[in-house]
C-alpha atoms as a PDB file:
ATOM      1  CA  UNK A   1       5.739  56.723  90.287  1.00  0.00           C
ATOM      2  CA  UNK A   2       6.198  59.937  88.311  1.00  0.00           C
ATOM      3  CA  UNK A   3       9.626  61.586  88.013  1.00  0.00           C
ATOM      4  CA  UNK A   4      10.251  65.339  88.047  1.00  0.00           C
ATOM      5  CA  UNK A   5      10.745  65.292  84.274  1.00  0.00           C
ATOM      6  CA  UNK A   6       7.414  63.513  83.824  1.00  0.00           C
ATOM      7  CA  UNK A   7       5.793  66.062  86.136  1.00  0.00           C
ATOM      8  CA  UNK A   8       7.081  68.842  83.875  1.00  0.00           C
ATOM      9  CA  UNK A   9       5.457  67.101  80.922  1.00  0.00           C
ATOM     10  CA  UNK A  10       2.185  66.693  82.855  1.00  0.00           C
ATOM     11  CA  UNK A  11       2.284  70.410  83.633  1.00  0.00           C
ATOM     12  CA  UNK A  12       2.810  71.393  79.994  1.00  0.00           C
ATOM     13  CA  UNK A  13       0.181  69.023  78.577  1.00  0.00           C
ATOM     14  CA  UNK A  14      -2.588  69.230  81.213  1.00  0.00           C
ATOM     15  CA  UNK A  15      -2.078  71.305  84.331  1.00  0.00           C
ATOM     16  CA  UNK A  16      -0.985  74.513  82.621  1.00  0.00           C
ATOM     17  CA  UNK A  17      -4.271  74.729  80.708  1.00  0.00           C
ATOM     18  CA  UNK A  18      -6.310  74.054  83.854  1.00  0.00           C
ATOM     19  CA  UNK A  19      -4.419  76.723  85.781  1.00  0.00           C
ATOM     20  CA  UNK A  20      -4.914  79.189  82.934  1.00  0.00           C
ATOM     21  CA  UNK A  21      -8.671  78.570  83.095  1.00  0.00           C
ATOM     22  CA  UNK A  22      -8.597  79.439  86.798  1.00  0.00           C
ATOM     23  CA  UNK A  23      -6.783  82.747  86.251  1.00  0.00           C
ATOM     24  CA  UNK A  24      -9.931  84.800  85.615  1.00  0.00           C
ATOM     25  CA  UNK A  25     -11.385  83.545  88.898  1.00  0.00           C
ATOM     26  CA  UNK A  26      -8.167  84.347  90.754  1.00  0.00           C
ATOM     27  CA  UNK A  27      -8.072  87.873  89.308  1.00  0.00           C
ATOM     28  CA  UNK A  28     -11.696  88.476  90.301  1.00  0.00           C
ATOM     29  CA  UNK A  29     -10.798  87.584  93.908  1.00  0.00           C
ATOM     30  CA  UNK A  30      -7.960  90.104  93.943  1.00  0.00           C
ATOM     31  CA  UNK A  31     -10.200  92.724  92.298  1.00  0.00           C
ATOM     32  CA  UNK A  32     -12.861  92.352  95.012  1.00  0.00           C
ATOM     33  CA  UNK A  33     -10.215  92.670  97.736  1.00  0.00           C
ATOM     34  CA  UNK A  34      -8.919  95.864  96.112  1.00  0.00           C
ATOM     35  CA  UNK A  35     -12.453  97.237  95.664  1.00  0.00           C
ATOM     36  CA  UNK A  36     -13.217  96.545  99.347  1.00  0.00           C
ATOM     37  CA  UNK A  37     -10.098  98.446 100.402  1.00  0.00           C
ATOM     38  CA  UNK A  38     -10.842 101.340  98.049  1.00  0.00           C
ATOM     39  CA  UNK A  39     -14.446 101.434  99.203  1.00  0.00           C
ATOM     40  CA  UNK A  40     -13.679 101.554 102.909  1.00  0.00           C
ATOM     41  CA  UNK A  41     -10.456 103.507 103.402  1.00  0.00           C
ATOM     42  CA  UNK A  42     -10.887 106.592 101.168  1.00  0.00           C
ATOM     43  CA  UNK A  43     -14.643 106.918 101.676  1.00  0.00           C
ATOM     44  CA  UNK A  44     -14.495 106.651 105.459  1.00  0.00           C
ATOM     45  CA  UNK A  45     -11.546 109.069 105.566  1.00  0.00           C
ATOM     46  CA  UNK A  46     -13.468 111.660 103.540  1.00  0.00           C
ATOM     47  CA  UNK A  47     -16.530 111.281 105.758  1.00  0.00           C
ATOM     48  CA  UNK A  48     -14.478 111.789 108.926  1.00  0.00           C
ATOM     49  CA  UNK A  49     -12.802 114.897 107.476  1.00  0.00           C
ATOM     50  CA  UNK A  50     -16.133 116.374 106.451  1.00  0.00           C
ATOM     51  CA  UNK A  51     -17.564 115.666 109.877  1.00  0.00           C
ATOM     52  CA  UNK A  52     -14.526 117.192 111.615  1.00  0.00           C
ATOM     53  CA  UNK A  53     -14.972 120.381 109.591  1.00  0.00           C
ATOM     54  CA  UNK A  54     -18.681 120.386 110.477  1.00  0.00           C
ATOM     55  CA  UNK A  55     -19.680 120.162 106.844  1.00  0.00           C
ATOM     56  CA  UNK A  56     -21.934 117.207 107.626  1.00  0.00           C
ATOM     57  CA  UNK A  57     -23.923 116.369 110.777  1.00  0.00           C
ATOM     58  CA  UNK A  58     -24.005 113.303 113.017  1.00  0.00           C
ATOM     59  CA  UNK A  59     -26.851 111.768 111.067  1.00  0.00           C
ATOM     60  CA  UNK A  60     -25.003 111.982 107.765  1.00  0.00           C
ATOM     61  CA  UNK A  61     -21.729 110.651 109.177  1.00  0.00           C
ATOM     62  CA  UNK A  62     -23.497 107.650 110.681  1.00  0.00           C
ATOM     63  CA  UNK A  63     -25.484 106.977 107.503  1.00  0.00           C
ATOM     64  CA  UNK A  64     -22.380 107.429 105.375  1.00  0.00           C
ATOM     65  CA  UNK A  65     -20.268 105.050 107.465  1.00  0.00           C
ATOM     66  CA  UNK A  66     -23.003 102.428 107.418  1.00  0.00           C
ATOM     67  CA  UNK A  67     -23.167 102.729 103.629  1.00  0.00           C
ATOM     68  CA  UNK A  68     -19.402 102.397 103.337  1.00  0.00           C
ATOM     69  CA  UNK A  69     -19.377  99.328 105.592  1.00  0.00           C
ATOM     70  CA  UNK A  70     -22.166  97.655 103.641  1.00  0.00           C
ATOM     71  CA  UNK A  71     -20.454  98.360 100.328  1.00  0.00           C
ATOM     72  CA  UNK A  72     -17.113  97.042 101.586  1.00  0.00           C
ATOM     73  CA  UNK A  73     -18.789  93.999 103.095  1.00  0.00           C
ATOM     74  CA  UNK A  74     -20.352  93.103  99.744  1.00  0.00           C
ATOM     75  CA  UNK A  75     -16.925  93.033  98.119  1.00  0.00           C
ATOM     76  CA  UNK A  76     -15.460  90.998 100.985  1.00  0.00           C
ATOM     77  CA  UNK A  77     -18.251  88.404 100.755  1.00  0.00           C
ATOM     78  CA  UNK A  78     -17.723  88.188  96.995  1.00  0.00           C
ATOM     79  CA  UNK A  79     -13.987  87.696  97.508  1.00  0.00           C
ATOM     80  CA  UNK A  80     -14.467  84.946 100.100  1.00  0.00           C
ATOM     81  CA  UNK A  81     -17.094  83.137  97.997  1.00  0.00           C
ATOM     82  CA  UNK A  82     -14.910  83.199  94.907  1.00  0.00           C
ATOM     83  CA  UNK A  83     -11.816  82.167  96.859  1.00  0.00           C
ATOM     84  CA  UNK A  84     -13.606  79.094  98.242  1.00  0.00           C
ATOM     85  CA  UNK A  85     -14.599  78.154  94.689  1.00  0.00           C
ATOM     86  CA  UNK A  86     -11.072  78.794  93.397  1.00  0.00           C
ATOM     87  CA  UNK A  87      -9.500  76.757  96.183  1.00  0.00           C
ATOM     88  CA  UNK A  88     -11.901  73.862  95.650  1.00  0.00           C
ATOM     89  CA  UNK A  89     -11.224  73.756  91.910  1.00  0.00           C
ATOM     90  CA  UNK A  90      -7.467  74.046  92.455  1.00  0.00           C
ATOM     91  CA  UNK A  91      -7.494  71.106  94.827  1.00  0.00           C
ATOM     92  CA  UNK A  92      -9.801  68.947  92.695  1.00  0.00           C
ATOM     93  CA  UNK A  93      -8.410  69.752  89.258  1.00  0.00           C
ATOM     94  CA  UNK A  94      -4.707  70.299  89.977  1.00  0.00           C
ATOM     95  CA  UNK A  95      -3.563  68.829  93.295  1.00  0.00           C
ATOM     96  CA  UNK A  96      -5.608  65.645  92.852  1.00  0.00           C
ATOM     97  CA  UNK A  97      -4.015  65.149  89.432  1.00  0.00           C
ATOM     98  CA  UNK A  98      -0.521  65.450  90.934  1.00  0.00           C
ATOM     99  CA  UNK A  99      -1.343  62.789  93.525  1.00  0.00           C
ATOM    100  CA  UNK A 100      -2.816  60.520  90.860  1.00  0.00           C
ATOM    101  CA  UNK A 101       0.325  60.928  88.759  1.00  0.00           C
ATOM    102  CA  UNK A 102       2.569  60.011  91.698  1.00  0.00           C
ATOM    103  CA  UNK A 103       0.572  56.859  92.402  1.00  0.00           C
ATOM    104  CA  UNK A 104      -2.937  56.079  91.075  1.00  0.00           C
ATOM    105  CA  UNK A 105      -3.635  53.974  94.182  1.00  0.00           C
ATOM    106  CA  UNK A 106      -3.120  56.842  96.610  1.00  0.00           C
ATOM    107  CA  UNK A 107      -6.248  58.619  97.902  1.00  0.00           C
ATOM    108  CA  UNK A 108      -6.413  62.386  98.423  1.00  0.00           C
ATOM    109  CA  UNK A 109      -9.098  64.177 100.472  1.00  0.00           C
ATOM    110  CA  UNK A 110      -8.369  67.886 100.633  1.00  0.00           C
ATOM    111  CA  UNK A 111     -10.963  68.663 103.320  1.00  0.00           C
ATOM    112  CA  UNK A 112      -9.915  65.881 105.708  1.00  0.00           C
ATOM    113  CA  UNK A 113      -6.870  65.251 107.907  1.00  0.00           C
ATOM    114  CA  UNK A 114      -5.338  62.754 110.262  1.00  0.00           C
ATOM    115  CA  UNK A 115      -7.211  62.357 113.532  1.00  0.00           C
ATOM    116  CA  UNK A 116      -6.063  63.778 116.847  1.00  0.00           C
ATOM    117  CA  UNK A 117      -5.849  60.201 118.167  1.00  0.00           C
ATOM    118  CA  UNK A 118      -3.191  59.416 115.559  1.00  0.00           C
ATOM    119  CA  UNK A 119      -1.244  62.498 116.606  1.00  0.00           C
ATOM    120  CA  UNK A 120      -1.425  61.488 120.291  1.00  0.00           C
ATOM    121  CA  UNK A 121      -0.402  57.927 119.457  1.00  0.00           C
ATOM    122  CA  UNK A 122       3.007  59.196 118.292  1.00  0.00           C
ATOM    123  CA  UNK A 123       3.844  60.599 121.764  1.00  0.00           C
ATOM    124  CA  UNK A 124       6.020  63.175 119.997  1.00  0.00           C
ATOM    125  CA  UNK A 125       4.630  66.249 121.756  1.00  0.00           C
ATOM    126  CA  UNK A 126       3.834  66.189 125.463  1.00  0.00           C
ATOM    127  CA  UNK A 127       1.703  69.365 125.562  1.00  0.00           C
ATOM    128  CA  UNK A 128      -2.058  68.741 125.706  1.00  0.00           C
ATOM    129  CA  UNK A 129      -3.928  69.995 122.662  1.00  0.00           C
ATOM    130  CA  UNK A 130      -6.743  72.521 123.118  1.00  0.00           C
ATOM    131  CA  UNK A 131      -7.406  73.114 119.433  1.00  0.00           C
ATOM    132  CA  UNK A 132      -6.434  71.374 116.219  1.00  0.00           C
ATOM    133  CA  UNK A 133      -7.161  71.568 112.523  1.00  0.00           C
ATOM    134  CA  UNK A 134      -5.842  70.007 109.363  1.00  0.00           C
ATOM    135  CA  UNK A 135      -6.503  69.237 105.733  1.00  0.00           C
ATOM    136  CA  UNK A 136      -4.999  67.628 102.617  1.00  0.00           C
ATOM    137  CA  UNK A 137      -5.146  64.043 103.804  1.00  0.00           C
ATOM    138  CA  UNK A 138      -3.293  61.568 101.617  1.00  0.00           C
ATOM    139  CA  UNK A 139      -3.285  57.875 102.334  1.00  0.00           C
ATOM    140  CA  UNK A 140      -2.616  54.610 100.596  1.00  0.00           C
ATOM    141  CA  UNK A 141       0.004  51.947 100.205  1.00  0.00           C
ATOM    142  CA  UNK A 142       3.460  51.736  98.673  1.00  0.00           C
ATOM    143  CA  UNK A 143       4.008  48.094  97.830  1.00  0.00           C
ATOM    144  CA  UNK A 144       3.578  46.461 101.287  1.00  0.00           C
ATOM    145  CA  UNK A 145       3.581  49.598 103.416  1.00  0.00           C
ATOM    146  CA  UNK A 146       0.431  51.534 104.305  1.00  0.00           C
ATOM    147  CA  UNK A 147       0.688  55.203 105.299  1.00  0.00           C
ATOM    148  CA  UNK A 148      -1.373  58.266 106.208  1.00  0.00           C
ATOM    149  CA  UNK A 149      -0.269  61.873 105.970  1.00  0.00           C
ATOM    150  CA  UNK A 150      -1.834  65.337 106.179  1.00  0.00           C
ATOM    151  CA  UNK A 151      -1.184  68.914 107.067  1.00  0.00           C
ATOM    152  CA  UNK A 152      -1.898  69.330 110.777  1.00  0.00           C
ATOM    153  CA  UNK A 153      -1.815  72.184 113.279  1.00  0.00           C
ATOM    154  CA  UNK A 154      -2.132  71.761 117.045  1.00  0.00           C
ATOM    155  CA  UNK A 155      -2.338  74.523 119.649  1.00  0.00           C
ATOM    156  CA  UNK A 156      -2.726  75.034 123.369  1.00  0.00           C
ATOM    157  CA  UNK A 157      -4.378  77.952 125.110  1.00  0.00           C
ATOM    158  CA  UNK A 158      -3.296  80.172 127.993  1.00  0.00           C
ATOM    159  CA  UNK A 159      -5.475  82.755 129.708  1.00  0.00           C
ATOM    160  CA  UNK A 160      -4.505  86.101 131.192  1.00  0.00           C
ATOM    161  CA  UNK A 161      -6.582  88.764 132.901  1.00  0.00           C
ATOM    162  CA  UNK A 162      -6.394  92.531 132.543  1.00  0.00           C
ATOM    163  CA  UNK A 163      -6.402  94.949 135.454  1.00  0.00           C
ATOM    164  CA  UNK A 164     -10.102  95.451 134.860  1.00  0.00           C
ATOM    165  CA  UNK A 165     -10.771  91.725 135.116  1.00  0.00           C
ATOM    166  CA  UNK A 166     -11.097  91.168 131.381  1.00  0.00           C
ATOM    167  CA  UNK A 167     -10.288  87.672 130.175  1.00  0.00           C
ATOM    168  CA  UNK A 168      -7.854  87.249 127.290  1.00  0.00           C
ATOM    169  CA  UNK A 169      -7.154  83.981 125.477  1.00  0.00           C
ATOM    170  CA  UNK A 170      -3.767  83.347 123.879  1.00  0.00           C
ATOM    171  CA  UNK A 171      -3.134  80.525 121.419  1.00  0.00           C
ATOM    172  CA  UNK A 172       0.288  78.917 121.029  1.00  0.00           C
ATOM    173  CA  UNK A 173       1.398  76.509 118.322  1.00  0.00           C
ATOM    174  CA  UNK A 174       2.586  73.066 119.427  1.00  0.00           C
ATOM    175  CA  UNK A 175       3.075  71.656 115.950  1.00  0.00           C
ATOM    176  CA  UNK A 176       2.314  72.934 112.456  1.00  0.00           C
ATOM    177  CA  UNK A 177       3.328  71.054 109.336  1.00  0.00           C
ATOM    178  CA  UNK A 178       3.113  67.615 107.731  1.00  0.00           C
ATOM    179  CA  UNK A 179       2.266  64.692 109.982  1.00  0.00           C
ATOM    180  CA  UNK A 180       2.975  61.226 108.591  1.00  0.00           C
ATOM    181  CA  UNK A 181       2.822  57.679 109.892  1.00  0.00           C
ATOM    182  CA  UNK A 182       3.394  54.297 108.285  1.00  0.00           C
ATOM    183  CA  UNK A 183       3.585  50.609 109.067  1.00  0.00           C
ATOM    184  CA  UNK A 184       6.993  49.620 110.471  1.00  0.00           C
ATOM    185  CA  UNK A 185       6.105  45.926 110.180  1.00  0.00           C
ATOM    186  CA  UNK A 186       7.334  45.065 113.644  1.00  0.00           C
ATOM    187  CA  UNK A 187       5.546  45.380 116.953  1.00  0.00           C
ATOM    188  CA  UNK A 188       8.015  47.367 119.054  1.00  0.00           C
ATOM    189  CA  UNK A 189       8.059  46.672 122.771  1.00  0.00           C
ATOM    190  CA  UNK A 190       9.643  49.987 123.777  1.00  0.00           C
ATOM    191  CA  UNK A 191       9.377  53.512 122.384  1.00  0.00           C
ATOM    192  CA  UNK A 192      12.082  55.387 120.481  1.00  0.00           C
ATOM    193  CA  UNK A 193      12.002  59.144 119.850  1.00  0.00           C
ATOM    194  CA  UNK A 194      14.122  61.189 117.446  1.00  0.00           C
ATOM    195  CA  UNK A 195      14.051  64.964 117.681  1.00  0.00           C
ATOM    196  CA  UNK A 196      16.015  67.907 116.268  1.00  0.00           C
ATOM    197  CA  UNK A 197      19.183  68.469 118.277  1.00  0.00           C
ATOM    198  CA  UNK A 198      18.556  72.112 119.129  1.00  0.00           C
ATOM    199  CA  UNK A 199      20.718  72.001 122.253  1.00  0.00           C
ATOM    200  CA  UNK A 200      23.875  70.848 120.509  1.00  0.00           C
ATOM    201  CA  UNK A 201      23.328  73.236 117.594  1.00  0.00           C
ATOM    202  CA  UNK A 202      23.146  76.181 119.977  1.00  0.00           C
ATOM    203  CA  UNK A 203      25.673  75.147 122.626  1.00  0.00           C
ATOM    204  CA  UNK A 204      27.886  72.530 121.002  1.00  0.00           C
ATOM    205  CA  UNK A 205      29.096  69.725 123.259  1.00  0.00           C
ATOM    206  CA  UNK A 206      27.826  71.557 126.329  1.00  0.00           C
ATOM    207  CA  UNK A 207      24.345  71.137 124.916  1.00  0.00           C
ATOM    208  CA  UNK A 208      24.610  67.365 125.282  1.00  0.00           C
ATOM    209  CA  UNK A 209      24.326  67.777 129.042  1.00  0.00           C
ATOM    210  CA  UNK A 210      21.038  69.631 128.653  1.00  0.00           C
ATOM    211  CA  UNK A 211      19.287  67.090 126.444  1.00  0.00           C
ATOM    212  CA  UNK A 212      16.262  65.501 128.049  1.00  0.00           C
ATOM    213  CA  UNK A 213      12.985  63.970 127.045  1.00  0.00           C
ATOM    214  CA  UNK A 214       9.661  63.592 128.754  1.00  0.00           C
ATOM    215  CA  UNK A 215      10.019  59.850 128.212  1.00  0.00           C
ATOM    216  CA  UNK A 216      13.040  57.575 127.846  1.00  0.00           C
ATOM    217  CA  UNK A 217      16.786  57.859 128.300  1.00  0.00           C
ATOM    218  CA  UNK A 218      19.311  59.544 126.016  1.00  0.00           C
ATOM    219  CA  UNK A 219      20.780  57.175 123.419  1.00  0.00           C
ATOM    220  CA  UNK A 220      24.263  57.884 122.056  1.00  0.00           C
ATOM    221  CA  UNK A 221      24.937  56.499 118.584  1.00  0.00           C
ATOM    222  CA  UNK A 222      28.016  56.065 116.420  1.00  0.00           C
ATOM    223  CA  UNK A 223      27.160  58.377 113.541  1.00  0.00           C
ATOM    224  CA  UNK A 224      28.635  61.889 114.063  1.00  0.00           C
ATOM    225  CA  UNK A 225      26.591  63.517 111.295  1.00  0.00           C
ATOM    226  CA  UNK A 226      23.366  61.997 112.651  1.00  0.00           C
ATOM    227  CA  UNK A 227      24.276  63.111 116.192  1.00  0.00           C
ATOM    228  CA  UNK A 228      24.734  66.695 114.995  1.00  0.00           C
ATOM    229  CA  UNK A 229      21.212  66.807 113.583  1.00  0.00           C
ATOM    230  CA  UNK A 230      19.198  64.642 115.959  1.00  0.00           C
ATOM    231  CA  UNK A 231      18.904  63.586 119.581  1.00  0.00           C
ATOM    232  CA  UNK A 232      17.483  60.152 120.432  1.00  0.00           C
ATOM    233  CA  UNK A 233      15.652  59.007 123.546  1.00  0.00           C
ATOM    234  CA  UNK A 234      14.265  55.541 124.122  1.00  0.00           C
ATOM    235  CA  UNK A 235      12.659  53.402 126.792  1.00  0.00           C
ATOM    236  CA  UNK A 236      14.779  50.460 125.589  1.00  0.00           C
ATOM    237  CA  UNK A 237      18.380  51.246 124.625  1.00  0.00           C
ATOM    238  CA  UNK A 238      18.999  47.882 122.935  1.00  0.00           C
ATOM    239  CA  UNK A 239      15.844  48.059 120.854  1.00  0.00           C
ATOM    240  CA  UNK A 240      16.637  51.659 119.826  1.00  0.00           C
ATOM    241  CA  UNK A 241      20.009  50.566 118.465  1.00  0.00           C
ATOM    242  CA  UNK A 242      18.330  47.660 116.729  1.00  0.00           C
ATOM    243  CA  UNK A 243      15.907  50.060 115.020  1.00  0.00           C
ATOM    244  CA  UNK A 244      18.424  52.795 114.202  1.00  0.00           C
ATOM    245  CA  UNK A 245      20.759  50.852 111.972  1.00  0.00           C
ATOM    246  CA  UNK A 246      23.569  52.703 110.139  1.00  0.00           C
ATOM    247  CA  UNK A 247      21.412  52.604 106.997  1.00  0.00           C
ATOM    248  CA  UNK A 248      18.412  54.209 108.727  1.00  0.00           C
ATOM    249  CA  UNK A 249      20.551  56.881 110.398  1.00  0.00           C
ATOM    250  CA  UNK A 250      22.095  57.756 107.025  1.00  0.00           C
ATOM    251  CA  UNK A 251      18.627  57.848 105.466  1.00  0.00           C
ATOM    252  CA  UNK A 252      17.335  60.282 108.098  1.00  0.00           C
ATOM    253  CA  UNK A 253      20.332  62.534 107.505  1.00  0.00           C
ATOM    254  CA  UNK A 254      19.573  62.443 103.763  1.00  0.00           C
ATOM    255  CA  UNK A 255      15.909  63.325 104.342  1.00  0.00           C
ATOM    256  CA  UNK A 256      16.879  66.180 106.656  1.00  0.00           C
ATOM    257  CA  UNK A 257      19.369  67.513 104.104  1.00  0.00           C
ATOM    258  CA  UNK A 258      16.778  67.315 101.334  1.00  0.00           C
ATOM    259  CA  UNK A 259      13.865  69.040 103.092  1.00  0.00           C
ATOM    260  CA  UNK A 260      15.815  71.214 105.588  1.00  0.00           C
ATOM    261  CA  UNK A 261      12.918  71.344 108.049  1.00  0.00           C
ATOM    262  CA  UNK A 262      12.731  70.377 111.731  1.00  0.00           C
ATOM    263  CA  UNK A 263      11.773  66.693 111.968  1.00  0.00           C
ATOM    264  CA  UNK A 264      10.407  64.702 114.906  1.00  0.00           C
ATOM    265  CA  UNK A 265      10.105  60.914 114.613  1.00  0.00           C
ATOM    266  CA  UNK A 266       8.968  58.129 116.862  1.00  0.00           C
ATOM    267  CA  UNK A 267       8.741  54.349 116.686  1.00  0.00           C
ATOM    268  CA  UNK A 268       5.719  53.293 118.738  1.00  0.00           C
ATOM    269  CA  UNK A 269       3.761  50.054 118.557  1.00  0.00           C
ATOM    270  CA  UNK A 270       4.096  48.894 114.969  1.00  0.00           C
ATOM    271  CA  UNK A 271       4.213  52.396 113.418  1.00  0.00           C
ATOM    272  CA  UNK A 272       6.771  54.997 112.534  1.00  0.00           C
ATOM    273  CA  UNK A 273       5.565  58.560 113.036  1.00  0.00           C
ATOM    274  CA  UNK A 274       7.153  61.623 111.435  1.00  0.00           C
ATOM    275  CA  UNK A 275       6.256  65.279 112.046  1.00  0.00           C
ATOM    276  CA  UNK A 276       7.928  67.786 109.700  1.00  0.00           C
ATOM    277  CA  UNK A 277       7.483  71.413 110.753  1.00  0.00           C
ATOM    278  CA  UNK A 278       6.447  74.179 108.350  1.00  0.00           C
ATOM    279  CA  UNK A 279       5.440  77.747 109.197  1.00  0.00           C
ATOM    280  CA  UNK A 280       3.436  78.333 106.008  1.00  0.00           C
ATOM    281  CA  UNK A 281       0.183  76.738 104.876  1.00  0.00           C
ATOM    282  CA  UNK A 282       0.833  73.917 102.421  1.00  0.00           C
ATOM    283  CA  UNK A 283      -0.902  72.885  99.191  1.00  0.00           C
ATOM    284  CA  UNK A 284      -2.756  76.229  99.020  1.00  0.00           C
ATOM    285  CA  UNK A 285      -3.046  78.446  95.904  1.00  0.00           C
ATOM    286  CA  UNK A 286      -1.454  81.908  96.023  1.00  0.00           C
ATOM    287  CA  UNK A 287      -4.061  84.401  94.848  1.00  0.00           C
ATOM    288  CA  UNK A 288      -1.734  87.412  94.641  1.00  0.00           C
ATOM    289  CA  UNK A 289       0.321  86.150  91.713  1.00  0.00           C
ATOM    290  CA  UNK A 290      -0.320  84.038  88.655  1.00  0.00           C
ATOM    291  CA  UNK A 291      -1.143  80.430  89.366  1.00  0.00           C
ATOM    292  CA  UNK A 292       0.347  79.389  86.024  1.00  0.00           C
ATOM    293  CA  UNK A 293       3.689  78.576  87.596  1.00  0.00           C
ATOM    294  CA  UNK A 294       5.529  75.262  87.452  1.00  0.00           C
ATOM    295  CA  UNK A 295       7.471  76.047  90.659  1.00  0.00           C
ATOM    296  CA  UNK A 296       4.227  75.847  92.654  1.00  0.00           C
ATOM    297  CA  UNK A 297       3.441  72.465  91.115  1.00  0.00           C
ATOM    298  CA  UNK A 298       6.960  71.234  91.841  1.00  0.00           C
ATOM    299  CA  UNK A 299       6.660  72.295  95.497  1.00  0.00           C
ATOM    300  CA  UNK A 300       3.392  70.378  95.932  1.00  0.00           C
ATOM    301  CA  UNK A 301       4.992  67.350  94.238  1.00  0.00           C
ATOM    302  CA  UNK A 302       8.011  67.470  96.578  1.00  0.00           C
ATOM    303  CA  UNK A 303       5.786  67.692  99.657  1.00  0.00           C
ATOM    304  CA  UNK A 304       3.750  64.663  98.613  1.00  0.00           C
ATOM    305  CA  UNK A 305       6.916  62.781  97.699  1.00  0.00           C
ATOM    306  CA  UNK A 306       8.004  63.055 101.341  1.00  0.00           C
ATOM    307  CA  UNK A 307       5.791  60.011 101.954  1.00  0.00           C
ATOM    308  CA  UNK A 308       7.603  57.997  99.295  1.00  0.00           C
ATOM    309  CA  UNK A 309      11.001  59.315 100.404  1.00  0.00           C
ATOM    310  CA  UNK A 310      10.537  58.155 104.006  1.00  0.00           C
ATOM    311  CA  UNK A 311       9.274  54.717 102.978  1.00  0.00           C
ATOM    312  CA  UNK A 312      12.013  54.262 100.401  1.00  0.00           C
ATOM    313  CA  UNK A 313      14.914  55.677 102.429  1.00  0.00           C
ATOM    314  CA  UNK A 314      14.020  53.711 105.557  1.00  0.00           C
ATOM    315  CA  UNK A 315      13.465  50.514 103.554  1.00  0.00           C
ATOM    316  CA  UNK A 316      10.025  50.018 105.087  1.00  0.00           C
ATOM    317  CA  UNK A 317       9.064  47.726 102.211  1.00  0.00           C
ATOM    318  CA  UNK A 318      11.940  45.369 103.017  1.00  0.00           C
ATOM    319  CA  UNK A 319      10.319  42.835 105.326  1.00  0.00           C
ATOM    320  CA  UNK A 320      13.372  41.884 107.355  1.00  0.00           C
ATOM    321  CA  UNK A 321      11.230  41.941 110.489  1.00  0.00           C
ATOM    322  CA  UNK A 322       7.721  40.573 110.803  1.00  0.00           C
ATOM    323  CA  UNK A 323       4.995  41.208 113.323  1.00  0.00           C
ATOM    324  CA  UNK A 324       4.336  37.565 113.958  1.00  0.00           C
END
């Protein structure tokens, strides 16, 4: 498994050259976006001014606006086409190489994601999903532990009506970020849920009285730092304490401190599920600045290493328990 220093070397010897080759394509995307804006905004403004001053007639204003729209649309189509090509090459030539460097046995499919059934299996979010999408699926095995992970975004819809009876749809995010699950190597009878302790963060000890879950009872544990960051609910108190050993609680605190993102976890069946929230799109190239940037590569590396971090920190490869 590649270290950060080895990643730097990979960047200097291979990835930097590939990213440099993609720069002309990236710049052409930006140029087409700029041309589209310059085509539409000034030209349409001039036409409207001329029409307002009665220098041109209705026929000319309509013809002129159509011409402006067609010209702008050509640039937009060019930008979208080139972006799709740029994104595909970035994923295949750069991101895939990072995954291969982390572990040659891992598989990466940038246009696939975890399935909605896997998301539902975690029982982490009670809201029904009306729409979902995802990409950047990575799956494989670390020693004895299999895992699957991808970017995933779930939403639900509400509908309102205007005074005139018009129907308006509103989409609300349930979860957006990295969704991960791995073999826990023990068939768990109950269900244990770990969520960010928003109530205690906002209200202190008074927040403890407001903590509730759609499933399971509140579990109080003997790790003050863990209790400040997470709240635990379980259908089986004894099993939850059996799962959440001092080592695992300390590991979850370490992961939270490292990534500093809201984390939801569950232990269901024989799997551990982990949902790490992000507001931004992950593993995507930024077209508005140079792609020849090691910081971008390091960020992608750190996101993929979340899989290894969870498996390593939680000792999932240590087969203390067995399913038999």
